[in-house]
Protein backbone atom coordinates (compact mmCIF):
# COMPACT_ATOMS: atom_id res chain seq x y z
CA LYS A 1 0.00 0.00 0.00
CA ALA A 2 2.81 2.40 0.88
CA ALA A 3 4.50 1.70 -2.46
CA PHE A 4 1.23 2.28 -4.30
CA LYS A 5 0.65 5.60 -2.54
CA TYR A 6 4.19 6.69 -3.35
CA GLN A 7 3.76 5.76 -7.02
CA ARG A 8 0.44 7.62 -7.19
CA LYS A 9 1.93 10.79 -5.69
CA ARG A 10 4.98 10.51 -7.95
CA THR A 11 2.73 10.13 -10.99
CA ALA A 12 0.74 13.23 -10.00
CA ARG A 13 3.95 15.28 -9.64
CA ILE A 14 5.21 14.20 -13.05
CA GLN A 15 1.83 14.92 -14.65
CA LYS A 16 1.88 18.43 -13.22
CA MET A 17 5.40 19.00 -14.56
CA LEU A 18 4.49 17.70 -18.02
CA ALA A 19 1.36 19.84 -18.15
CA SER A 20 3.53 22.95 -18.14
CA THR A 21 5.85 21.76 -20.90
CA LEU A 22 4.04 19.52 -23.42
CA PRO A 23 1.36 20.39 -26.00
CA ARG A 24 -2.01 19.05 -24.88
CA PRO A 25 -2.32 16.20 -27.43
CA LEU A 26 1.14 14.91 -26.45
CA LEU A 27 0.31 15.40 -22.78
CA ARG A 28 -2.59 12.95 -23.03
CA ARG A 29 -0.28 10.28 -24.45
CA ALA A 30 2.35 10.90 -21.78
CA LYS A 31 -0.25 10.57 -19.02
CA ARG A 32 -1.30 7.18 -20.34
CA LEU A 33 2.26 5.88 -20.08
CA LEU A 34 2.60 7.22 -16.54
CA LEU A 35 -0.56 5.42 -15.41
CA LEU A 36 0.52 1.98 -16.60
CA PRO A 37 2.43 1.15 -13.35
CA LEU A 38 -0.67 1.96 -11.27
CA ASP A 39 -2.75 -0.33 -13.50
CA GLY A 40 -0.17 -3.05 -12.97
CA VAL A 41 -0.49 -2.72 -9.19
CA ASP A 42 -4.30 -2.88 -9.46
CA LEU A 43 -4.03 -6.05 -11.52
CA LEU A 44 -1.57 -7.74 -9.17
CA LEU A 45 -3.63 -6.93 -6.08
CA GLY A 46 -6.93 -7.88 -7.73
CA ARG A 47 -8.35 -4.39 -7.23
CA ARG A 48 -9.80 -3.93 -10.72
CA LYS A 49 -13.54 -3.47 -10.16
CA GLU A 50 -16.34 -4.55 -12.45
CA LEU A 51 -17.04 -2.14 -15.34
CA VAL A 52 -14.10 0.11 -14.34
CA PRO A 53 -11.54 0.51 -17.16
CA PRO A 54 -7.76 0.55 -16.66
CA ARG A 55 -6.50 3.99 -15.68
CA TYR A 56 -4.45 4.41 -18.86
CA LEU A 57 -7.59 4.01 -21.01
CA ASN A 58 -9.60 6.63 -19.12
CA PHE A 59 -9.58 9.74 -21.31
CA ALA A 60 -12.58 11.33 -19.58
CA GLY A 61 -10.78 13.60 -17.12
CA ASP A 62 -8.41 13.39 -14.18
CA GLY A 63 -10.99 12.83 -11.44
CA ASP A 64 -11.81 9.54 -9.74
CA PHE A 65 -13.67 7.42 -12.32
CA GLU A 66 -16.12 5.79 -9.91
CA ALA A 67 -16.70 8.77 -7.63
CA THR A 68 -17.34 11.16 -10.52
CA GLY A 69 -19.78 8.77 -12.20
CA ASN A 70 -21.64 8.07 -8.98
CA GLU A 71 -21.88 11.77 -8.15
CA PHE A 72 -23.17 12.81 -11.53
CA VAL A 73 -25.74 10.06 -11.89
CA ARG A 74 -27.34 11.46 -8.75
CA TYR A 75 -27.78 14.74 -10.62
CA LEU A 76 -29.42 12.92 -13.53
CA VAL A 77 -32.08 11.73 -11.09
CA ASP A 78 -32.35 15.00 -9.15
CA PRO A 79 -32.55 17.63 -10.59
CA GLY A 80 -32.54 15.85 -13.97
CA GLY A 81 -35.70 13.82 -13.43
CA LEU A 82 -34.36 10.52 -14.83
CA ARG A 83 -36.61 7.49 -14.25
CA PRO A 84 -35.85 3.73 -14.45
CA GLU A 85 -38.10 3.13 -17.47
CA TYR A 86 -36.75 5.93 -19.67
CA ARG A 87 -35.07 5.59 -23.04
CA VAL A 88 -31.82 7.46 -22.46
CA LEU A 89 -29.26 8.97 -24.84
CA GLU A 90 -25.82 9.99 -23.63
CA VAL A 91 -23.82 12.05 -26.11
CA GLY A 92 -20.16 11.80 -25.14
CA SER A 93 -20.40 8.43 -23.41
CA GLY A 94 -16.62 8.21 -23.07
CA ILE A 95 -15.47 4.95 -21.59
CA GLY A 96 -18.57 4.31 -19.51
CA ARG A 97 -18.09 6.63 -16.54
CA MET A 98 -21.81 7.45 -16.44
CA ALA A 99 -23.07 4.23 -18.03
CA ARG A 100 -21.56 2.08 -15.27
CA PRO A 101 -23.69 3.46 -12.40
CA LEU A 102 -26.70 3.82 -14.73
CA THR A 103 -26.84 0.05 -15.10
CA ALA A 104 -28.31 -0.05 -11.58
CA ILE A 105 -30.92 2.63 -12.37
CA LEU A 106 -32.26 1.86 -15.87
CA THR A 107 -33.79 -1.42 -14.78
CA SER A 108 -36.68 -1.31 -17.28
CA GLY A 109 -35.42 1.37 -19.65
CA SER A 110 -32.62 1.50 -22.20
CA TYR A 111 -29.41 3.40 -22.88
CA GLU A 112 -27.68 4.52 -26.06
CA GLY A 113 -24.18 5.98 -25.88
CA LEU A 114 -22.46 8.03 -28.60
CA ASP A 115 -18.81 9.05 -28.53
CA VAL A 116 -16.03 10.16 -30.87
CA VAL A 117 -13.28 7.98 -29.33
CA PRO A 118 -13.18 4.51 -30.93
CA GLU A 119 -11.34 2.79 -28.07
CA GLY A 120 -13.97 4.00 -25.60
CA ILE A 121 -16.76 2.53 -27.71
CA ARG A 122 -14.91 -0.77 -28.07
CA TRP A 123 -14.28 -1.07 -24.34
CA CYS A 124 -17.91 -0.27 -23.44
CA GLU A 125 -19.28 -2.76 -25.98
CA LYS A 126 -17.01 -5.50 -24.67
CA HIS A 127 -17.62 -4.92 -20.97
CA ILE A 128 -20.93 -3.10 -20.48
CA SER A 129 -23.09 -4.21 -23.42
CA LEU A 130 -22.01 -7.81 -22.94
CA ALA A 131 -23.33 -7.75 -19.36
CA TYR A 132 -26.34 -5.46 -19.91
CA ALA A 133 -28.34 -6.08 -23.09
CA ASN A 134 -30.25 -2.79 -22.76
CA PHE A 135 -27.00 -0.76 -23.05
CA HIS A 136 -25.66 0.04 -26.51
CA PHE A 137 -22.76 2.17 -27.80
CA GLN A 138 -22.04 3.68 -31.23
CA LEU A 139 -19.11 5.59 -32.67
CA ALA A 140 -19.76 9.13 -33.88
CA ASP A 141 -16.74 9.55 -36.14
CA VAL A 142 -16.63 13.31 -35.61
CA ASN A 143 -13.43 15.31 -35.91
CA ASN A 144 -12.20 16.77 -32.62
CA LEU A 145 -8.69 18.15 -32.13
CA MET A 146 -8.51 16.91 -28.54
CA TYR A 147 -10.18 13.50 -28.79
CA ASN A 148 -10.52 12.39 -32.44
CA PRO A 149 -8.27 14.43 -34.76
CA GLN A 150 -8.69 11.85 -37.55
CA GLY A 151 -12.51 11.93 -37.46
CA ARG A 152 -14.17 11.88 -40.89
CA PHE A 153 -17.10 14.22 -40.19
CA GLN A 154 -17.52 17.73 -38.83
CA ALA A 155 -19.53 18.21 -35.65
CA ALA A 156 -21.45 21.09 -37.26
CA GLU A 157 -22.87 18.61 -39.80
CA CYS A 158 -23.50 15.67 -37.46
CA ARG A 159 -26.86 13.88 -37.39
CA PHE A 160 -27.55 11.49 -34.53
CA PRO A 161 -28.43 7.97 -35.80
CA PHE A 162 -31.84 7.89 -34.10
CA ALA A 163 -35.45 8.60 -35.07
CA ASP A 164 -37.32 11.78 -34.15
CA HIS A 165 -38.88 11.83 -30.65
CA TYR A 166 -37.30 8.49 -29.71
CA PHE A 167 -35.82 9.33 -26.30
CA ASP A 168 -37.31 10.35 -22.95
CA PHE A 169 -34.05 11.74 -21.61
CA SER A 170 -30.68 12.89 -22.94
CA PHE A 171 -27.57 14.16 -21.24
CA LEU A 172 -24.13 15.50 -22.14
CA THR A 173 -21.40 15.97 -19.55
CA SER A 174 -18.14 17.74 -20.42
CA VAL A 175 -19.06 17.78 -24.12
CA PHE A 176 -20.15 21.35 -24.87
CA THR A 177 -17.18 22.46 -22.77
CA HIS A 178 -14.99 21.21 -25.66
CA MET A 179 -17.05 22.34 -28.67
CA ARG A 180 -17.38 25.58 -30.64
CA LYS A 181 -20.55 27.63 -31.07
CA VAL A 182 -21.71 26.27 -34.43
CA GLU A 183 -21.08 22.71 -33.22
CA VAL A 184 -23.02 23.21 -29.99
CA GLU A 185 -25.92 24.67 -31.97
CA ARG A 186 -25.99 21.58 -34.18
CA TYR A 187 -25.77 19.09 -31.33
CA LEU A 188 -28.45 20.80 -29.26
CA ALA A 189 -30.74 20.87 -32.31
CA GLU A 190 -30.20 17.12 -32.65
CA VAL A 191 -31.00 16.62 -28.95
CA ALA A 192 -34.23 18.55 -29.52
CA ARG A 193 -35.05 16.39 -32.55
CA VAL A 194 -34.61 13.01 -30.88
CA LEU A 195 -36.37 13.95 -27.61
CA ARG A 196 -40.10 13.32 -27.32
CA PRO A 197 -42.35 16.24 -26.31
CA GLY A 198 -41.99 16.49 -22.55
CA GLY A 199 -38.59 14.79 -22.68
CA ARG A 200 -35.80 16.20 -20.55
CA CYS A 201 -32.12 16.90 -21.03
CA LEU A 202 -29.25 17.71 -18.68
CA ILE A 203 -26.14 19.35 -20.13
CA THR A 204 -23.05 20.86 -18.54
CA PHE A 205 -21.40 24.11 -19.64
CA PHE A 206 -18.90 26.74 -18.63
CA LEU A 207 -21.23 29.74 -18.58
CA LEU A 208 -20.05 33.34 -18.55
CA ASN A 209 -22.18 35.87 -16.67
CA GLY A 210 -21.44 38.84 -14.47
CA GLU A 211 -20.26 36.75 -11.53
CA SER A 212 -18.11 34.25 -13.42
CA ARG A 213 -16.52 36.96 -15.57
CA ARG A 214 -15.57 38.91 -12.45
CA LEU A 215 -14.06 35.83 -10.81
CA VAL A 216 -12.09 34.98 -13.96
CA LYS A 217 -10.77 38.55 -14.10
CA GLU A 218 -9.77 38.37 -10.43
CA GLY A 219 -7.77 35.19 -11.10
CA ARG A 220 -9.96 32.97 -8.89
CA SER A 221 -11.10 30.71 -11.73
CA SER A 222 -9.50 27.37 -12.56
CA LEU A 223 -9.82 28.33 -16.26
CA ASP A 224 -8.87 31.64 -17.85
CA PHE A 225 -11.32 32.26 -20.68
CA ARG A 226 -9.56 35.31 -22.06
CA TYR A 227 -9.57 34.46 -25.79
CA SER A 228 -12.60 35.19 -27.96
CA LEU A 229 -13.39 32.46 -30.48
CA GLU A 230 -16.29 32.92 -32.95
CA GLY A 231 -19.09 33.38 -30.44
CA CYS A 232 -17.44 31.63 -27.52
CA TRP A 233 -14.27 31.83 -25.39
CA THR A 234 -11.32 29.52 -24.86
CA ASP A 235 -8.37 29.30 -22.49
CA ASP A 236 -5.95 27.94 -25.12
CA THR A 237 -5.58 29.34 -28.63
CA ASN A 238 -3.35 26.43 -29.70
CA VAL A 239 -5.94 23.80 -28.73
CA PRO A 240 -9.20 25.77 -28.36
CA GLU A 241 -11.22 22.61 -27.63
CA HIS A 242 -9.33 22.13 -24.37
CA ALA A 243 -11.98 24.26 -22.63
CA ILE A 244 -14.69 26.47 -24.13
CA ALA A 245 -17.14 28.81 -22.41
CA PHE A 246 -20.36 30.45 -23.61
CA ASP A 247 -22.32 33.53 -22.69
CA GLU A 248 -25.18 32.48 -20.42
CA GLU A 249 -27.80 34.59 -22.19
CA GLN A 250 -26.68 33.26 -25.56
CA VAL A 251 -27.22 29.69 -24.36
CA ALA A 252 -30.63 30.54 -22.90
CA ALA A 253 -31.70 32.07 -26.22
CA LEU A 254 -30.65 28.92 -28.08
CA TYR A 255 -32.71 26.72 -25.76
CA ARG A 256 -35.78 28.91 -26.33
CA GLU A 257 -35.26 28.89 -30.09
CA LEU A 258 -35.18 25.08 -30.13
CA GLY A 259 -38.36 24.73 -28.10
CA PHE A 260 -37.01 24.03 -24.62
CA THR A 261 -38.19 25.35 -21.29
CA GLN A 262 -35.08 25.83 -19.17
CA GLU A 263 -34.97 25.38 -15.41
CA PRO A 264 -32.89 27.60 -13.10
CA ILE A 265 -29.19 26.93 -13.70
CA ARG A 266 -27.25 24.95 -11.11
CA TYR A 267 -23.94 26.79 -11.14
CA GLY A 268 -20.54 25.12 -10.79
CA SER A 269 -17.35 25.81 -8.87
CA TRP A 270 -15.04 26.10 -11.92
CA CYS A 271 -14.82 29.90 -11.69
CA GLY A 272 -14.14 29.99 -7.95
CA ARG A 273 -17.63 30.77 -6.65
CA GLY A 274 -18.49 29.63 -3.16
CA ASP A 275 -22.06 28.38 -3.74
CA TYR A 276 -22.24 25.57 -6.30
CA LEU A 277 -23.58 22.08 -7.07
CA SER A 278 -20.77 20.50 -9.11
CA TYR A 279 -17.66 21.62 -10.99
CA GLN A 280 -19.33 22.64 -14.26
CA ASP A 281 -22.58 24.57 -14.67
CA ILE A 282 -25.62 22.30 -15.08
CA VAL A 283 -28.55 23.20 -17.33
CA VAL A 284 -31.74 21.11 -17.13
CA ALA A 285 -34.49 21.73 -19.69
CA ARG A 286 -37.75 20.17 -20.89
CA LYS A 287 -38.73 19.81 -24.56
CA ASN A 288 -42.05 21.59 -25.21
């Protein structure tokens, strides 16, 4: 245990050092190599849990895979309104971080996951779909500089492979925080198309308003959205998709235009505010 804790701390120190020196695409590859020893320890000690991927395969953020999934699925139920019998679409299903805990909730419903990372889809099909027949995953071969630079299609032209009004519920976590304005507009229009009237969606954003702009300016934010980018803002001009923020009123207008009724926003801690629900801002809306 002591050796494992030492290796974990050492890995975190090296990751921090690399983050200040390597371009982001190379940084992701370097992190994977650093995590291999921890995966080896997990394997030797028999600590690999069911439906939890190896650390080096987890491209969905630096947080704890299980804890993050468990936390966010609670938000899908409340305030999201998710029910066990719903047909559910997750756009940006990753490597099953949300699907894993949802297997215990969607007991009579179904789940469809879309993602742009082929290895995530393959892992989920092999481990989750094999054990849960009501869970399915499909590749959206969309170009994304951070996650799928070889993708064949542009996000602004993407059409979800599902019929109109098919789903009761849809959610996207840490997806619109990596997409540009025209892409977000297209994806949200597709969410509106595939949701039934009365269907609900939960989506996370980095939203800029008076409070968050002030906190960013004061240097209290974890992300510095100082660069304007065609109707949105980024913290990295070299890899804009690393993190993207939108004007709150602009997002609200888009929801209204697409026929959604939006609930009060549950704000996140990303900008350094003291009163928050999660890290990113959470928008829940109902399709009219």
